[in-house]
Amino acid sequence: MSKEALAAKLKEMYPEIIQHNLDLELEFKKDKDYWVIKLSKDDHRLHTLLDQKDAQACIDGTQCVYLGVQIGQFVKNFEYYA
């Protein structure tokens, strides 16, 4: 799976990334077989991990519950401080 495909799928599944104009960066750690998901907006940052199996589930259309919770909390915190 490509970084671009995963980023597009995450933006599709979690429209708040686009709605809140969050910066999304992905980095694959081959030695550990997981993706580092980085969200940022101004001085606010969130880094979380998504293992390859869960990333593939996202690509296949299954929501990543843990990631959704992380994104939701980030947006909530950002809105609180904005």
Protein backbone atom coordinates (compact mmCIF):
# COMPACT_ATOMS: atom_id res chain seq x y z
CA MET A 1 0.00 0.00 0.00
CA SER A 2 1.25 3.45 -0.80
CA LYS A 3 1.44 6.41 1.53
CA GLU A 4 -0.75 8.39 -0.85
CA ALA A 5 -3.46 5.71 -0.95
CA LEU A 6 -3.55 5.45 2.85
CA ALA A 7 -3.64 9.25 3.26
CA ALA A 8 -6.52 9.53 0.76
CA LYS A 9 -8.45 6.77 2.52
CA LEU A 10 -7.93 8.33 5.97
CA LYS A 11 -9.15 11.69 4.68
CA GLU A 12 -12.20 9.97 3.18
CA MET A 13 -12.98 8.02 6.37
CA TYR A 14 -12.28 10.93 8.71
CA PRO A 15 -13.55 14.07 6.94
CA GLU A 16 -12.70 16.19 9.99
CA ILE A 17 -9.09 16.09 8.76
CA ILE A 18 -10.15 18.21 5.79
CA GLN A 19 -12.94 20.11 7.59
CA HIS A 20 -10.47 21.43 10.17
CA ASN A 21 -7.65 21.85 7.66
CA LEU A 22 -5.35 19.52 9.57
CA ASP A 23 -1.97 18.62 8.13
CA LEU A 24 -1.62 14.86 7.72
CA GLU A 25 1.76 13.18 7.35
CA LEU A 26 2.42 9.46 7.14
CA GLU A 27 5.67 7.63 7.63
CA PHE A 28 6.11 3.86 7.32
CA LYS A 29 8.54 2.18 9.71
CA LYS A 30 9.51 -0.95 7.83
CA ASP A 31 11.52 -2.44 10.70
CA LYS A 32 8.46 -2.34 13.00
CA ASP A 33 5.79 -2.81 10.28
CA TYR A 34 3.67 0.18 11.29
CA TRP A 35 2.70 3.65 10.09
CA VAL A 36 3.34 6.81 12.07
CA ILE A 37 0.33 9.08 11.62
CA LYS A 38 1.10 12.74 12.27
CA LEU A 39 -1.64 15.34 12.51
CA SER A 40 -0.91 18.99 13.11
CA LYS A 41 -2.58 22.37 13.12
CA ASP A 42 -0.58 25.43 14.10
CA ASP A 43 1.25 24.51 17.34
CA HIS A 44 -0.94 21.45 18.05
CA ARG A 45 0.45 18.03 17.15
CA LEU A 46 -0.62 14.42 17.44
CA HIS A 47 1.48 11.38 16.60
CA THR A 48 -0.07 7.95 16.75
CA LEU A 49 0.80 4.53 15.39
CA LEU A 50 -1.17 2.32 13.04
CA ASP A 51 0.09 -1.20 12.45
CA GLN A 52 0.17 -2.53 8.91
CA LYS A 53 -2.78 -4.88 9.50
CA ASP A 54 -4.99 -2.00 10.69
CA ALA A 55 -3.78 0.22 7.86
CA GLN A 56 -4.81 -2.48 5.37
CA ALA A 57 -8.22 -2.71 7.08
CA CYS A 58 -8.60 1.04 6.56
CA ILE A 59 -7.76 0.67 2.87
CA ASP A 60 -10.33 -2.14 2.69
CA GLY A 61 -12.96 0.21 4.12
CA THR A 62 -13.03 -0.82 7.78
CA GLN A 63 -12.77 2.14 10.10
CA CYS A 64 -9.82 2.19 12.43
CA VAL A 65 -11.64 2.78 15.71
CA TYR A 66 -8.54 3.68 17.71
CA LEU A 67 -7.40 6.15 15.08
CA GLY A 68 -10.89 7.65 14.87
CA VAL A 69 -10.87 8.24 18.63
CA GLN A 70 -7.42 9.84 18.41
CA ILE A 71 -8.48 12.15 15.58
CA GLY A 72 -11.70 13.05 17.38
CA GLN A 73 -9.82 13.92 20.57
CA PHE A 74 -7.28 15.97 18.64
CA VAL A 75 -10.03 17.97 16.92
CA LYS A 76 -11.84 18.46 20.24
CA ASN A 77 -8.64 19.70 21.92
CA PHE A 78 -7.82 21.93 18.99
CA GLU A 79 -11.30 23.49 19.03
CA TYR A 80 -10.98 24.07 22.78
CA TYR A 81 -7.75 26.00 22.36
CA ALA A 82 -8.71 27.78 19.14
